[in-house]
């Protein structure tokens, strides 16, 4: 797992997010490792966390172009995490990772401005679509 220490290149440009750097947060270590590997092989820089509280406490504004967040995690769900990091960086784009279909109402109430089709990567087929989906969002 890599974590930003605040001294990397993306911090040197505080006026815009780094579109090639992605924050991945999922409580499944195997999945975060797989996402990190697939995205890095496709030319993206990745910070991966299995603990949403740690991801939140280490989050820096303007460091990421995209956050990939699992919805169902212990301690803090992906929607709660996005609300916290969006207060720090309101330009960050988000994509939620889920294997479940029961998120619709909470998503629509919490984020009426977001496009549901663009904002979700489904498990288990997530790996097949991940790079294409990320490129579309950041493109």
N, C-alpha and C. Protein backbone atom coordinates (compact mmCIF):
# COMPACT_ATOMS: atom_id res chain seq x y z
N UNK A 1 0.84 -1.18 0.00
CA UNK A 1 0.00 0.00 0.00
C UNK A 1 0.88 1.23 0.00
N UNK A 2 0.58 2.15 -0.88
CA UNK A 2 1.32 3.40 -0.91
C UNK A 2 0.47 4.48 -0.29
N UNK A 3 1.12 5.44 0.31
CA UNK A 3 0.39 6.54 0.91
C UNK A 3 1.15 7.83 0.64
N UNK A 4 0.41 8.87 0.37
CA UNK A 4 1.02 10.16 0.07
C UNK A 4 1.61 10.74 1.34
N UNK A 5 2.83 11.21 1.27
CA UNK A 5 3.45 11.83 2.43
C UNK A 5 3.44 13.35 2.32
N UNK A 6 2.83 13.86 1.26
CA UNK A 6 2.74 15.30 1.09
C UNK A 6 3.94 15.90 0.38
N UNK A 7 4.95 15.08 0.07
CA UNK A 7 6.15 15.59 -0.57
C UNK A 7 6.29 15.12 -2.01
N UNK A 8 5.21 14.67 -2.62
CA UNK A 8 5.35 14.16 -3.98
C UNK A 8 5.08 15.24 -5.02
N UNK A 9 5.30 14.89 -6.27
CA UNK A 9 5.17 15.85 -7.36
C UNK A 9 3.78 16.45 -7.47
N UNK A 10 2.74 15.67 -7.16
CA UNK A 10 1.38 16.19 -7.35
C UNK A 10 1.08 17.36 -6.41
N UNK A 11 1.83 17.48 -5.31
CA UNK A 11 1.61 18.60 -4.41
C UNK A 11 2.21 19.90 -4.94
N UNK A 12 3.10 19.82 -5.93
CA UNK A 12 3.75 21.02 -6.43
C UNK A 12 2.79 21.88 -7.24
N UNK A 13 1.73 21.32 -7.75
CA UNK A 13 0.74 22.08 -8.51
C UNK A 13 -0.56 22.09 -7.73
N UNK A 14 -0.72 23.05 -6.84
CA UNK A 14 -1.87 23.07 -5.96
C UNK A 14 -3.10 23.70 -6.60
N UNK A 15 -3.04 24.05 -7.88
CA UNK A 15 -4.18 24.69 -8.52
C UNK A 15 -5.08 23.72 -9.25
N UNK A 16 -4.61 22.52 -9.55
CA UNK A 16 -5.46 21.56 -10.23
C UNK A 16 -5.13 20.15 -9.81
N UNK A 17 -6.12 19.30 -9.86
CA UNK A 17 -5.92 17.91 -9.47
C UNK A 17 -5.05 17.19 -10.48
N UNK A 18 -4.37 16.16 -10.02
CA UNK A 18 -3.54 15.33 -10.87
C UNK A 18 -4.44 14.27 -11.49
N UNK A 19 -4.80 14.39 -12.77
CA UNK A 19 -5.76 13.45 -13.36
C UNK A 19 -5.22 12.04 -13.50
N UNK A 20 -3.92 11.85 -13.37
CA UNK A 20 -3.34 10.50 -13.50
C UNK A 20 -3.17 9.82 -12.15
N UNK A 21 -3.57 10.49 -11.05
CA UNK A 21 -3.42 9.91 -9.72
C UNK A 21 -4.80 9.57 -9.15
N UNK A 22 -4.92 8.33 -8.66
CA UNK A 22 -6.20 7.83 -8.22
C UNK A 22 -6.11 7.34 -6.78
N UNK A 23 -7.09 7.70 -5.99
CA UNK A 23 -7.24 7.20 -4.63
C UNK A 23 -8.18 6.01 -4.67
N UNK A 24 -7.73 4.85 -4.18
CA UNK A 24 -8.55 3.64 -4.12
C UNK A 24 -8.74 3.28 -2.66
N UNK A 25 -10.01 3.15 -2.22
CA UNK A 25 -10.30 2.76 -0.84
C UNK A 25 -11.33 1.64 -0.85
N UNK A 26 -10.90 0.48 -0.37
CA UNK A 26 -11.77 -0.70 -0.27
C UNK A 26 -11.27 -1.53 0.90
N UNK A 27 -12.16 -2.08 1.70
CA UNK A 27 -11.73 -2.84 2.87
C UNK A 27 -11.20 -4.23 2.51
N UNK A 28 -11.28 -4.63 1.26
CA UNK A 28 -10.76 -5.92 0.81
C UNK A 28 -9.34 -5.72 0.27
N UNK A 29 -8.31 -6.15 1.03
CA UNK A 29 -6.93 -5.93 0.60
C UNK A 29 -6.60 -6.56 -0.76
N UNK A 30 -7.19 -7.71 -1.06
CA UNK A 30 -6.93 -8.33 -2.36
C UNK A 30 -7.46 -7.47 -3.49
N UNK A 31 -8.63 -6.90 -3.30
CA UNK A 31 -9.21 -6.05 -4.34
C UNK A 31 -8.43 -4.76 -4.52
N UNK A 32 -8.02 -4.12 -3.41
CA UNK A 32 -7.25 -2.88 -3.57
C UNK A 32 -5.92 -3.17 -4.26
N UNK A 33 -5.28 -4.29 -3.92
CA UNK A 33 -4.02 -4.66 -4.59
C UNK A 33 -4.23 -4.88 -6.07
N UNK A 34 -5.31 -5.56 -6.42
CA UNK A 34 -5.62 -5.83 -7.82
C UNK A 34 -5.92 -4.54 -8.57
N UNK A 35 -6.76 -3.67 -7.99
CA UNK A 35 -7.06 -2.38 -8.62
C UNK A 35 -5.78 -1.58 -8.80
N UNK A 36 -4.94 -1.53 -7.77
CA UNK A 36 -3.70 -0.77 -7.84
C UNK A 36 -2.82 -1.30 -8.97
N UNK A 37 -2.67 -2.61 -9.06
CA UNK A 37 -1.84 -3.22 -10.09
C UNK A 37 -2.37 -2.92 -11.50
N UNK A 38 -3.66 -3.13 -11.71
CA UNK A 38 -4.27 -2.91 -13.02
C UNK A 38 -4.16 -1.44 -13.44
N UNK A 39 -4.44 -0.54 -12.52
CA UNK A 39 -4.38 0.89 -12.85
C UNK A 39 -2.95 1.35 -13.10
N UNK A 40 -2.00 0.88 -12.30
CA UNK A 40 -0.60 1.27 -12.50
C UNK A 40 -0.07 0.71 -13.82
N UNK A 41 -0.48 -0.50 -14.20
CA UNK A 41 -0.07 -1.06 -15.49
C UNK A 41 -0.63 -0.24 -16.65
N UNK A 42 -1.72 0.49 -16.38
CA UNK A 42 -2.33 1.33 -17.41
C UNK A 42 -1.84 2.78 -17.34
N UNK A 43 -0.82 3.02 -16.54
CA UNK A 43 -0.20 4.34 -16.51
C UNK A 43 -0.71 5.30 -15.46
N UNK A 44 -1.56 4.83 -14.56
CA UNK A 44 -2.06 5.70 -13.49
C UNK A 44 -1.18 5.55 -12.25
N UNK A 45 -1.16 6.60 -11.44
CA UNK A 45 -0.50 6.56 -10.15
C UNK A 45 -1.61 6.27 -9.13
N UNK A 46 -1.35 5.42 -8.15
CA UNK A 46 -2.41 4.98 -7.24
C UNK A 46 -1.95 5.05 -5.79
N UNK A 47 -2.82 5.59 -4.94
CA UNK A 47 -2.69 5.44 -3.49
C UNK A 47 -3.86 4.56 -3.07
N UNK A 48 -3.55 3.43 -2.43
CA UNK A 48 -4.59 2.47 -2.06
C UNK A 48 -4.65 2.33 -0.54
N UNK A 49 -5.86 2.31 -0.03
CA UNK A 49 -6.10 2.16 1.41
C UNK A 49 -7.17 1.10 1.64
N UNK A 50 -7.03 0.37 2.76
CA UNK A 50 -8.05 -0.57 3.18
C UNK A 50 -8.87 -0.03 4.34
N UNK A 51 -8.47 1.08 4.88
CA UNK A 51 -9.14 1.71 6.02
C UNK A 51 -9.62 3.10 5.61
N UNK A 52 -10.93 3.30 5.55
CA UNK A 52 -11.44 4.61 5.13
C UNK A 52 -11.05 5.75 6.07
N UNK A 53 -10.89 5.47 7.35
CA UNK A 53 -10.48 6.52 8.29
C UNK A 53 -9.04 6.96 8.02
N UNK A 54 -8.17 6.01 7.72
CA UNK A 54 -6.79 6.34 7.38
C UNK A 54 -6.73 7.11 6.06
N UNK A 55 -7.52 6.67 5.09
CA UNK A 55 -7.57 7.39 3.80
C UNK A 55 -8.03 8.82 4.01
N UNK A 56 -9.05 9.01 4.85
CA UNK A 56 -9.57 10.34 5.12
C UNK A 56 -8.54 11.21 5.83
N UNK A 57 -7.86 10.66 6.82
CA UNK A 57 -6.90 11.46 7.59
C UNK A 57 -5.66 11.81 6.76
N UNK A 58 -5.33 11.00 5.75
CA UNK A 58 -4.16 11.27 4.91
C UNK A 58 -4.51 12.05 3.64
N UNK A 59 -5.78 12.32 3.41
CA UNK A 59 -6.22 12.96 2.18
C UNK A 59 -5.72 14.40 2.09
N UNK A 60 -5.17 14.75 0.92
CA UNK A 60 -4.67 16.10 0.66
C UNK A 60 -5.43 16.70 -0.53
N UNK A 61 -5.75 17.99 -0.47
CA UNK A 61 -6.45 18.61 -1.59
C UNK A 61 -5.57 18.64 -2.84
N UNK A 62 -6.21 18.55 -3.97
CA UNK A 62 -5.56 18.68 -5.29
C UNK A 62 -4.54 17.58 -5.60
N UNK A 63 -4.60 16.47 -4.88
CA UNK A 63 -3.63 15.40 -5.10
C UNK A 63 -4.15 14.36 -6.10
N UNK A 64 -5.47 14.25 -6.25
CA UNK A 64 -6.06 13.18 -7.04
C UNK A 64 -7.02 13.70 -8.09
N UNK A 65 -7.08 12.98 -9.21
CA UNK A 65 -8.09 13.26 -10.21
C UNK A 65 -9.36 12.50 -9.93
N UNK A 66 -9.23 11.36 -9.25
CA UNK A 66 -10.37 10.48 -9.04
C UNK A 66 -10.23 9.69 -7.75
N UNK A 67 -11.35 9.48 -7.07
CA UNK A 67 -11.41 8.58 -5.91
C UNK A 67 -12.30 7.41 -6.28
N UNK A 68 -11.77 6.19 -6.13
CA UNK A 68 -12.55 4.96 -6.30
C UNK A 68 -12.83 4.43 -4.91
N UNK A 69 -14.09 4.48 -4.49
CA UNK A 69 -14.44 4.18 -3.11
C UNK A 69 -15.46 3.05 -3.03
N UNK A 70 -15.14 2.04 -2.23
CA UNK A 70 -16.10 0.97 -1.95
C UNK A 70 -17.23 1.58 -1.12
N UNK A 71 -18.46 1.16 -1.39
CA UNK A 71 -19.57 1.69 -0.62
C UNK A 71 -19.64 1.07 0.76
N UNK A 72 -19.55 -0.24 0.84
CA UNK A 72 -19.71 -0.94 2.12
C UNK A 72 -18.36 -1.24 2.74
N UNK A 73 -18.02 -0.43 3.77
CA UNK A 73 -16.79 -0.64 4.53
C UNK A 73 -17.10 -0.43 6.00
N UNK A 74 -16.34 -1.10 6.88
CA UNK A 74 -16.53 -0.84 8.31
C UNK A 74 -16.00 0.55 8.68
N UNK A 75 -16.49 1.09 9.75
CA UNK A 75 -16.09 2.39 10.30
C UNK A 75 -16.69 3.57 9.55
N UNK A 76 -16.66 3.53 8.21
CA UNK A 76 -17.18 4.65 7.40
C UNK A 76 -17.47 4.11 6.01
N UNK A 77 -18.69 4.33 5.49
CA UNK A 77 -18.97 3.83 4.14
C UNK A 77 -18.44 4.80 3.09
N UNK A 78 -18.47 4.37 1.84
CA UNK A 78 -17.91 5.17 0.76
C UNK A 78 -18.60 6.51 0.56
N UNK A 79 -19.91 6.55 0.78
CA UNK A 79 -20.63 7.82 0.65
C UNK A 79 -20.16 8.81 1.71
N UNK A 80 -20.01 8.32 2.95
CA UNK A 80 -19.54 9.19 4.04
C UNK A 80 -18.11 9.67 3.76
N UNK A 81 -17.28 8.76 3.28
CA UNK A 81 -15.89 9.12 2.96
C UNK A 81 -15.85 10.18 1.87
N UNK A 82 -16.66 10.01 0.83
CA UNK A 82 -16.67 11.00 -0.25
C UNK A 82 -17.11 12.37 0.28
N UNK A 83 -18.11 12.41 1.14
CA UNK A 83 -18.55 13.69 1.71
C UNK A 83 -17.41 14.37 2.47
N UNK A 84 -16.61 13.58 3.20
CA UNK A 84 -15.49 14.15 3.95
C UNK A 84 -14.40 14.68 3.02
N UNK A 85 -14.02 13.89 2.01
CA UNK A 85 -12.92 14.33 1.15
C UNK A 85 -13.37 15.44 0.20
N UNK A 86 -14.66 15.45 -0.14
CA UNK A 86 -15.16 16.52 -1.01
C UNK A 86 -15.10 17.87 -0.30
N UNK A 87 -15.22 17.89 1.03
CA UNK A 87 -15.09 19.14 1.79
C UNK A 87 -13.66 19.66 1.72
N UNK A 88 -12.69 18.76 1.55
CA UNK A 88 -11.28 19.13 1.46
C UNK A 88 -10.92 19.50 0.02
N UNK A 89 -11.51 18.79 -0.93
CA UNK A 89 -11.22 19.00 -2.36
C UNK A 89 -12.50 18.82 -3.17
N UNK A 90 -13.17 19.93 -3.47
CA UNK A 90 -14.46 19.83 -4.16
C UNK A 90 -14.33 19.60 -5.66
N UNK A 91 -13.11 19.48 -6.17
CA UNK A 91 -12.91 19.21 -7.60
C UNK A 91 -12.71 17.74 -7.90
N UNK A 92 -12.50 16.92 -6.87
CA UNK A 92 -12.21 15.51 -7.08
C UNK A 92 -13.43 14.79 -7.67
N UNK A 93 -13.17 13.93 -8.64
CA UNK A 93 -14.23 13.11 -9.21
C UNK A 93 -14.30 11.82 -8.41
N UNK A 94 -15.47 11.17 -8.44
CA UNK A 94 -15.65 9.97 -7.65
C UNK A 94 -16.29 8.86 -8.46
N UNK A 95 -15.93 7.64 -8.12
CA UNK A 95 -16.57 6.45 -8.67
C UNK A 95 -16.68 5.46 -7.52
N UNK A 96 -17.89 4.99 -7.27
CA UNK A 96 -18.12 4.06 -6.17
C UNK A 96 -18.03 2.62 -6.68
N UNK A 97 -17.48 1.75 -5.84
CA UNK A 97 -17.31 0.34 -6.16
C UNK A 97 -18.34 -0.42 -5.32
N UNK A 98 -19.12 -1.29 -5.97
CA UNK A 98 -20.12 -2.04 -5.21
C UNK A 98 -20.49 -3.35 -5.89
N UNK A 99 -20.87 -4.29 -5.06
CA UNK A 99 -21.41 -5.56 -5.56
C UNK A 99 -22.91 -5.60 -5.30
N UNK A 100 -23.43 -4.57 -4.68
CA UNK A 100 -24.82 -4.56 -4.22
C UNK A 100 -25.67 -3.58 -5.02
N UNK A 101 -26.95 -3.79 -4.97
CA UNK A 101 -27.88 -2.92 -5.71
C UNK A 101 -28.73 -2.04 -4.80
N UNK A 102 -28.47 -2.07 -3.49
CA UNK A 102 -29.34 -1.36 -2.56
C UNK A 102 -28.86 0.05 -2.21
N UNK A 103 -28.03 0.63 -3.05
CA UNK A 103 -27.46 1.95 -2.78
C UNK A 103 -28.25 3.07 -3.44
N UNK A 104 -29.16 2.78 -4.35
CA UNK A 104 -29.78 3.79 -5.22
C UNK A 104 -30.39 4.97 -4.45
N UNK A 105 -31.24 4.69 -3.48
CA UNK A 105 -31.92 5.78 -2.77
C UNK A 105 -30.94 6.67 -2.02
N UNK A 106 -30.02 6.05 -1.27
CA UNK A 106 -29.05 6.83 -0.52
C UNK A 106 -28.18 7.67 -1.46
N UNK A 107 -27.78 7.09 -2.58
CA UNK A 107 -26.96 7.82 -3.55
C UNK A 107 -27.73 9.03 -4.10
N UNK A 108 -28.97 8.81 -4.53
CA UNK A 108 -29.76 9.91 -5.12
C UNK A 108 -30.02 11.02 -4.11
N UNK A 109 -30.25 10.64 -2.84
CA UNK A 109 -30.47 11.66 -1.81
C UNK A 109 -29.19 12.40 -1.46
N UNK A 110 -28.08 11.67 -1.41
CA UNK A 110 -26.82 12.27 -1.00
C UNK A 110 -26.14 13.08 -2.10
N UNK A 111 -26.27 12.60 -3.35
CA UNK A 111 -25.53 13.21 -4.46
C UNK A 111 -26.43 13.43 -5.67
N UNK A 112 -27.45 14.26 -5.57
CA UNK A 112 -28.37 14.44 -6.70
C UNK A 112 -27.68 15.00 -7.94
N UNK A 113 -26.53 15.65 -7.77
CA UNK A 113 -25.83 16.26 -8.90
C UNK A 113 -24.96 15.28 -9.67
N UNK A 114 -24.74 14.08 -9.14
CA UNK A 114 -23.86 13.11 -9.80
C UNK A 114 -24.62 12.17 -10.71
N UNK A 115 -23.97 11.78 -11.80
CA UNK A 115 -24.54 10.85 -12.77
C UNK A 115 -24.29 9.42 -12.30
N UNK A 116 -25.36 8.72 -11.97
CA UNK A 116 -25.25 7.37 -11.42
C UNK A 116 -24.53 6.41 -12.36
N UNK A 117 -24.75 6.54 -13.66
CA UNK A 117 -24.12 5.64 -14.63
C UNK A 117 -22.60 5.79 -14.61
N UNK A 118 -22.12 7.03 -14.51
CA UNK A 118 -20.68 7.27 -14.50
C UNK A 118 -20.04 6.98 -13.14
N UNK A 119 -20.83 6.97 -12.10
CA UNK A 119 -20.28 6.94 -10.74
C UNK A 119 -20.15 5.56 -10.12
N UNK A 120 -20.39 4.50 -10.86
CA UNK A 120 -20.33 3.17 -10.26
C UNK A 120 -19.55 2.18 -11.10
N UNK A 121 -18.72 1.39 -10.42
CA UNK A 121 -18.05 0.24 -11.00
C UNK A 121 -18.59 -0.95 -10.23
N UNK A 122 -19.10 -1.93 -10.93
CA UNK A 122 -19.71 -3.10 -10.29
C UNK A 122 -18.69 -4.20 -10.04
N UNK A 123 -18.77 -4.78 -8.84
CA UNK A 123 -18.02 -6.01 -8.55
C UNK A 123 -18.93 -7.15 -8.98
N UNK A 124 -18.48 -8.27 -9.40
CA UNK A 124 -17.10 -8.70 -9.60
C UNK A 124 -16.55 -8.33 -10.97
N UNK A 125 -17.38 -7.82 -11.88
CA UNK A 125 -16.85 -7.50 -13.22
C UNK A 125 -16.07 -6.20 -13.23
N UNK A 126 -15.84 -5.63 -12.07
CA UNK A 126 -15.16 -4.35 -11.97
C UNK A 126 -13.80 -4.35 -12.66
N UNK A 127 -13.04 -5.41 -12.52
CA UNK A 127 -11.69 -5.43 -13.09
C UNK A 127 -11.75 -5.32 -14.62
N UNK A 128 -12.70 -5.99 -15.24
CA UNK A 128 -12.82 -5.93 -16.69
C UNK A 128 -13.08 -4.51 -17.19
N UNK A 129 -13.89 -3.77 -16.45
CA UNK A 129 -14.32 -2.45 -16.89
C UNK A 129 -13.52 -1.31 -16.27
N UNK A 130 -12.68 -1.62 -15.29
CA UNK A 130 -12.07 -0.57 -14.47
C UNK A 130 -11.31 0.46 -15.29
N UNK A 131 -10.35 0.05 -16.08
CA UNK A 131 -9.50 1.00 -16.79
C UNK A 131 -10.32 1.81 -17.79
N UNK A 132 -11.21 1.15 -18.50
CA UNK A 132 -12.07 1.86 -19.47
C UNK A 132 -12.95 2.88 -18.75
N UNK A 133 -13.51 2.48 -17.63
CA UNK A 133 -14.38 3.35 -16.86
C UNK A 133 -13.60 4.58 -16.34
N UNK A 134 -12.43 4.33 -15.78
CA UNK A 134 -11.60 5.41 -15.24
C UNK A 134 -11.20 6.36 -16.36
N UNK A 135 -10.78 5.84 -17.50
CA UNK A 135 -10.39 6.69 -18.62
C UNK A 135 -11.55 7.55 -19.10
N UNK A 136 -12.76 7.01 -19.11
CA UNK A 136 -13.94 7.76 -19.52
C UNK A 136 -14.22 8.90 -18.55
N UNK A 137 -14.14 8.62 -17.26
CA UNK A 137 -14.42 9.65 -16.25
C UNK A 137 -13.39 10.76 -16.31
N UNK A 138 -12.12 10.39 -16.43
CA UNK A 138 -11.05 11.39 -16.41
C UNK A 138 -10.79 12.00 -17.78
N UNK A 139 -11.33 11.36 -18.83
CA UNK A 139 -11.10 11.82 -20.20
C UNK A 139 -11.76 13.11 -20.45
